[in-house]
C-alpha cells in the first residue's frame, strides 16, 4: 500500500509546483527543499536540484543555489534571514582616450 500511495502522489504532481516553506503550492502536502532553501521547484515528490528561488538562514541566492557569501564579481543584496541575493556586478566600462602629441620645430 505504501508503493500505491507514492505512485498516486507522483501522478498528482503538476507543472510549476513549488515547495514553499514546508508545503506544496498545489497539493498542500509536506515537502522540503535542499538545505538553506525556503522556496524551490517540486516535482515527483522531490526538490528539483538547482531550482531554489528564495533562500533562508541568511544565505544568498546564486543561480538557483543558496550560498554563504557571494563570490567575486557579485555583490550581496538584502538583509535578514530571507530573500538575500548575489547580484552580478556589471563589467567596468573603460573609456578609450587618444592622446595627440604635436611637436613643433622652429629653425632660425
N, C-alpha and C. Protein backbone atom coordinates (compact mmCIF):
# COMPACT_ATOMS: atom_id res chain seq x y z
N UNK A 1 0.82 -1.21 0.00
CA UNK A 1 0.00 0.00 0.00
C UNK A 1 0.86 1.26 0.00
N UNK A 2 2.05 1.20 0.56
CA UNK A 2 2.93 2.36 0.56
C UNK A 2 3.33 2.72 -0.86
N UNK A 3 3.61 1.72 -1.67
CA UNK A 3 4.01 1.96 -3.05
C UNK A 3 2.87 2.61 -3.82
N UNK A 4 1.64 2.19 -3.60
CA UNK A 4 0.48 2.76 -4.29
C UNK A 4 0.30 4.23 -3.91
N UNK A 5 0.52 4.58 -2.63
CA UNK A 5 0.38 5.97 -2.18
C UNK A 5 1.44 6.84 -2.83
N UNK A 6 2.66 6.35 -2.95
CA UNK A 6 3.73 7.09 -3.59
C UNK A 6 3.41 7.33 -5.06
N UNK A 7 2.92 6.35 -5.75
CA UNK A 7 2.56 6.47 -7.15
C UNK A 7 1.46 7.50 -7.33
N UNK A 8 0.46 7.51 -6.46
CA UNK A 8 -0.63 8.47 -6.55
C UNK A 8 -0.12 9.88 -6.34
N UNK A 9 0.76 10.07 -5.37
CA UNK A 9 1.31 11.40 -5.11
C UNK A 9 2.11 11.89 -6.31
N UNK A 10 2.92 11.06 -6.92
CA UNK A 10 3.71 11.45 -8.08
C UNK A 10 2.80 11.77 -9.26
N UNK A 11 1.72 11.04 -9.41
CA UNK A 11 0.80 11.27 -10.52
C UNK A 11 0.08 12.59 -10.39
N UNK A 12 -0.10 13.10 -9.15
CA UNK A 12 -0.81 14.36 -8.96
C UNK A 12 0.11 15.57 -9.02
N UNK A 13 1.41 15.37 -9.17
CA UNK A 13 2.34 16.48 -9.27
C UNK A 13 2.06 17.27 -10.56
N UNK A 14 1.92 18.55 -10.42
CA UNK A 14 1.60 19.42 -11.55
C UNK A 14 2.82 20.24 -11.95
N UNK A 15 2.85 20.66 -13.21
CA UNK A 15 3.92 21.53 -13.67
C UNK A 15 3.84 22.85 -12.92
N UNK A 16 4.97 23.39 -12.54
CA UNK A 16 5.01 24.66 -11.84
C UNK A 16 4.78 24.54 -10.35
N UNK A 17 4.77 23.32 -9.82
CA UNK A 17 4.57 23.13 -8.39
C UNK A 17 5.79 23.62 -7.63
N UNK A 18 5.53 24.32 -6.53
CA UNK A 18 6.61 24.83 -5.68
C UNK A 18 6.49 24.25 -4.30
N UNK A 19 7.64 24.06 -3.68
CA UNK A 19 7.68 23.75 -2.25
C UNK A 19 7.98 25.09 -1.61
N UNK A 20 7.02 25.60 -0.83
CA UNK A 20 7.17 26.91 -0.21
C UNK A 20 7.13 26.72 1.30
N UNK A 21 8.28 26.84 1.93
CA UNK A 21 8.36 26.56 3.36
C UNK A 21 8.38 25.06 3.57
N UNK A 22 7.25 24.51 3.96
CA UNK A 22 7.17 23.07 4.22
C UNK A 22 6.03 22.40 3.47
N UNK A 23 5.33 23.16 2.59
CA UNK A 23 4.16 22.60 1.93
C UNK A 23 4.14 22.89 0.43
N UNK A 24 3.61 21.95 -0.33
CA UNK A 24 3.47 22.08 -1.78
C UNK A 24 2.45 23.17 -2.11
N UNK A 25 2.76 23.98 -3.10
CA UNK A 25 1.87 25.06 -3.51
C UNK A 25 0.60 24.55 -4.18
N UNK A 26 0.62 23.32 -4.67
CA UNK A 26 -0.55 22.79 -5.39
C UNK A 26 -1.29 21.75 -4.56
N UNK A 27 -0.57 20.78 -4.03
CA UNK A 27 -1.24 19.68 -3.32
C UNK A 27 -1.39 19.94 -1.83
N UNK A 28 -0.59 20.85 -1.28
CA UNK A 28 -0.65 21.13 0.15
C UNK A 28 0.04 20.08 1.00
N UNK A 29 0.65 19.09 0.36
CA UNK A 29 1.33 18.03 1.10
C UNK A 29 2.69 18.53 1.59
N UNK A 30 3.23 17.84 2.56
CA UNK A 30 4.52 18.20 3.13
C UNK A 30 5.62 18.06 2.08
N UNK A 31 6.59 18.96 2.12
CA UNK A 31 7.73 18.92 1.20
C UNK A 31 8.93 19.56 1.89
N UNK A 32 10.09 19.42 1.30
CA UNK A 32 11.29 20.05 1.84
C UNK A 32 12.27 20.33 0.72
N UNK A 33 12.71 21.57 0.65
CA UNK A 33 13.74 21.94 -0.33
C UNK A 33 15.11 21.53 0.23
N UNK A 34 16.15 21.78 -0.53
CA UNK A 34 17.50 21.48 -0.06
C UNK A 34 17.85 22.41 1.11
N UNK A 35 18.89 22.10 1.83
CA UNK A 35 19.32 22.88 2.98
C UNK A 35 19.45 24.35 2.61
N UNK A 36 18.96 25.21 3.48
CA UNK A 36 19.02 26.66 3.35
C UNK A 36 18.13 27.23 2.26
N UNK A 37 17.35 26.42 1.58
CA UNK A 37 16.41 26.90 0.57
C UNK A 37 15.00 26.89 1.14
N UNK A 38 14.27 27.99 0.99
CA UNK A 38 12.91 28.09 1.50
C UNK A 38 11.87 27.78 0.43
N UNK A 39 12.10 28.25 -0.79
CA UNK A 39 11.16 28.01 -1.90
C UNK A 39 11.93 27.41 -3.07
N UNK A 40 11.42 26.27 -3.60
CA UNK A 40 12.07 25.60 -4.72
C UNK A 40 11.02 24.92 -5.59
N UNK A 41 11.42 24.53 -6.78
CA UNK A 41 10.54 23.75 -7.65
C UNK A 41 10.43 22.35 -7.06
N UNK A 42 9.24 21.76 -7.21
CA UNK A 42 8.96 20.46 -6.60
C UNK A 42 8.36 19.58 -7.68
N UNK A 43 8.94 18.42 -7.93
CA UNK A 43 8.43 17.52 -8.96
C UNK A 43 8.61 16.08 -8.53
N UNK A 44 7.59 15.29 -8.75
CA UNK A 44 7.62 13.85 -8.44
C UNK A 44 8.05 13.57 -7.01
N UNK A 45 7.58 14.40 -6.07
CA UNK A 45 7.85 14.16 -4.66
C UNK A 45 9.24 14.53 -4.20
N UNK A 46 9.96 15.35 -4.97
CA UNK A 46 11.31 15.73 -4.57
C UNK A 46 11.64 17.15 -5.06
N UNK A 47 12.55 17.80 -4.34
CA UNK A 47 13.01 19.12 -4.75
C UNK A 47 13.82 18.99 -6.03
N UNK A 48 13.64 19.91 -6.94
CA UNK A 48 14.42 19.94 -8.18
C UNK A 48 15.74 20.63 -7.86
N UNK A 49 16.84 19.93 -8.07
CA UNK A 49 18.17 20.45 -7.75
C UNK A 49 18.44 21.72 -8.55
N UNK A 50 18.98 22.73 -7.86
CA UNK A 50 19.34 24.00 -8.52
C UNK A 50 18.15 24.88 -8.85
N UNK A 51 17.00 24.64 -8.20
CA UNK A 51 15.80 25.41 -8.53
C UNK A 51 15.36 26.34 -7.42
N UNK A 52 16.21 26.61 -6.47
CA UNK A 52 15.82 27.47 -5.36
C UNK A 52 15.53 28.87 -5.87
N UNK A 53 14.46 29.49 -5.33
CA UNK A 53 14.15 30.87 -5.71
C UNK A 53 14.12 31.79 -4.50
N UNK A 54 14.10 31.23 -3.28
CA UNK A 54 14.18 32.02 -2.04
C UNK A 54 15.02 31.23 -1.04
N UNK A 55 16.08 31.86 -0.54
CA UNK A 55 16.93 31.22 0.47
C UNK A 55 16.50 31.65 1.87
N UNK A 56 16.90 30.84 2.86
CA UNK A 56 16.65 31.14 4.27
C UNK A 56 17.97 31.08 5.02
N UNK A 57 17.93 31.32 6.32
CA UNK A 57 19.12 31.21 7.19
C UNK A 57 20.24 32.16 6.78
N UNK A 58 19.88 33.35 6.31
CA UNK A 58 20.85 34.39 5.92
C UNK A 58 21.77 33.95 4.79
N UNK A 59 21.29 33.07 3.92
CA UNK A 59 22.07 32.64 2.76
C UNK A 59 21.68 33.48 1.55
N UNK A 60 22.57 33.52 0.58
CA UNK A 60 22.37 34.31 -0.64
C UNK A 60 22.03 33.40 -1.82
N UNK A 61 21.08 33.81 -2.62
CA UNK A 61 20.68 33.06 -3.81
C UNK A 61 21.63 33.38 -4.96
N UNK A 62 22.21 32.34 -5.54
CA UNK A 62 23.12 32.49 -6.68
C UNK A 62 22.83 31.36 -7.66
N UNK A 63 22.23 31.70 -8.79
CA UNK A 63 21.94 30.71 -9.84
C UNK A 63 21.18 29.49 -9.33
N UNK A 64 20.14 29.72 -8.52
CA UNK A 64 19.30 28.63 -8.04
C UNK A 64 19.84 27.85 -6.86
N UNK A 65 20.95 28.31 -6.28
CA UNK A 65 21.58 27.62 -5.15
C UNK A 65 21.82 28.64 -4.04
N UNK A 66 21.72 28.21 -2.79
CA UNK A 66 21.97 29.10 -1.64
C UNK A 66 23.42 28.98 -1.20
N UNK A 67 24.08 30.14 -1.07
CA UNK A 67 25.49 30.17 -0.69
C UNK A 67 25.68 31.07 0.53
N UNK A 68 26.75 30.83 1.29
CA UNK A 68 27.02 31.61 2.50
C UNK A 68 27.46 33.03 2.18
N UNK A 69 28.18 33.22 1.09
CA UNK A 69 28.62 34.56 0.68
C UNK A 69 28.73 34.60 -0.84
N UNK A 70 28.68 35.79 -1.37
CA UNK A 70 28.73 35.96 -2.83
C UNK A 70 30.17 35.91 -3.32
N UNK A 71 30.40 35.25 -4.44
CA UNK A 71 31.76 35.16 -4.99
C UNK A 71 32.19 36.47 -5.64
N UNK A 72 33.44 36.51 -6.01
CA UNK A 72 33.98 37.67 -6.72
C UNK A 72 33.17 37.92 -7.99
N UNK A 73 32.90 39.18 -8.29
CA UNK A 73 32.11 39.54 -9.45
C UNK A 73 30.63 39.70 -9.13
N UNK A 74 30.27 39.45 -7.86
CA UNK A 74 28.88 39.59 -7.41
C UNK A 74 28.86 40.45 -6.15
N UNK A 75 27.75 41.14 -5.94
CA UNK A 75 27.58 41.92 -4.73
C UNK A 75 26.39 41.36 -3.95
N UNK A 76 26.51 41.34 -2.64
CA UNK A 76 25.45 40.82 -1.78
C UNK A 76 24.34 41.86 -1.65
N UNK A 77 23.09 41.41 -1.77
CA UNK A 77 21.95 42.30 -1.65
C UNK A 77 20.94 41.68 -0.69
N UNK A 78 20.43 42.47 0.23
CA UNK A 78 19.41 42.00 1.16
C UNK A 78 19.92 41.89 2.58
N UNK A 79 18.96 41.90 3.52
CA UNK A 79 19.27 41.75 4.93
C UNK A 79 18.23 40.80 5.53
N UNK A 80 18.45 40.39 6.75
CA UNK A 80 17.51 39.49 7.40
C UNK A 80 17.78 38.04 7.05
N UNK A 81 16.83 37.18 7.37
CA UNK A 81 17.01 35.75 7.17
C UNK A 81 16.62 35.25 5.79
N UNK A 82 15.77 35.99 5.05
CA UNK A 82 15.23 35.54 3.77
C UNK A 82 15.53 36.55 2.66
N UNK A 83 15.39 36.09 1.42
CA UNK A 83 15.44 36.94 0.23
C UNK A 83 16.76 37.67 0.00
N UNK A 84 17.86 37.11 0.41
CA UNK A 84 19.17 37.69 0.08
C UNK A 84 19.58 37.15 -1.28
N UNK A 85 20.30 37.96 -2.06
CA UNK A 85 20.71 37.55 -3.41
C UNK A 85 22.12 38.02 -3.72
N UNK A 86 22.76 37.29 -4.62
CA UNK A 86 24.03 37.73 -5.20
C UNK A 86 23.69 38.35 -6.55
N UNK A 87 24.06 39.61 -6.72
CA UNK A 87 23.77 40.34 -7.96
C UNK A 87 25.09 40.53 -8.71
N UNK A 88 25.08 40.19 -9.99
CA UNK A 88 26.30 40.35 -10.81
C UNK A 88 26.67 41.82 -10.90
N UNK A 89 27.94 42.08 -10.70
CA UNK A 89 28.46 43.44 -10.83
C UNK A 89 28.76 43.66 -12.31
N UNK A 90 28.19 44.72 -12.90
CA UNK A 90 28.46 44.96 -14.33
C UNK A 90 29.95 45.16 -14.57
N UNK A 91 30.41 44.65 -15.68
CA UNK A 91 31.82 44.84 -16.05
C UNK A 91 32.08 46.33 -16.18
N UNK A 92 33.22 46.76 -15.70
CA UNK A 92 33.54 48.18 -15.78
C UNK A 92 33.76 48.56 -17.24
N UNK A 93 33.18 49.68 -17.58
CA UNK A 93 33.35 50.19 -18.93
C UNK A 93 34.55 51.11 -18.92
N UNK A 94 35.51 50.82 -19.75
CA UNK A 94 36.68 51.68 -19.82
C UNK A 94 36.56 52.56 -21.04
N UNK A 95 36.83 53.81 -20.84
CA UNK A 95 36.76 54.75 -21.95
C UNK A 95 38.11 54.83 -22.61
N UNK A 96 38.08 54.78 -23.90
CA UNK A 96 39.32 54.88 -24.65
C UNK A 96 39.64 56.35 -24.88
N UNK A 97 40.85 56.72 -24.55
CA UNK A 97 41.25 58.10 -24.80
C UNK A 97 42.45 58.11 -25.73
N UNK A 98 42.48 59.08 -26.57
CA UNK A 98 43.58 59.21 -27.50
C UNK A 98 44.34 60.48 -27.16
N UNK A 99 45.63 60.34 -27.04
CA UNK A 99 46.48 61.49 -26.76
C UNK A 99 47.25 61.81 -28.02
N UNK A 100 47.15 63.06 -28.42
CA UNK A 100 47.88 63.50 -29.61
C UNK A 100 48.99 64.43 -29.15
N UNK A 101 50.19 64.12 -29.59
CA UNK A 101 51.33 64.96 -29.26
C UNK A 101 51.78 65.65 -30.53
N UNK A 102 51.88 66.96 -30.44
CA UNK A 102 52.34 67.74 -31.59
C UNK A 102 53.70 68.31 -31.25
N UNK A 103 54.64 68.09 -32.13
CA UNK A 103 55.98 68.61 -31.94
C UNK A 103 56.21 69.69 -32.98
N UNK A 104 56.58 70.83 -32.51
CA UNK A 104 56.84 71.93 -33.43
C UNK A 104 58.34 72.23 -33.35
N UNK A 105 58.95 72.24 -34.51
CA UNK A 105 60.36 72.55 -34.57
C UNK A 105 60.50 73.89 -35.29
N UNK A 106 61.17 74.79 -34.65
CA UNK A 106 61.39 76.10 -35.24
C UNK A 106 62.88 76.24 -35.50
N UNK A 107 63.20 76.60 -36.75
CA UNK A 107 64.62 76.82 -37.07
C UNK A 107 64.82 78.29 -37.39
N UNK A 108 65.90 78.82 -36.89
CA UNK A 108 66.20 80.22 -37.16
C UNK A 108 67.58 80.41 -37.70
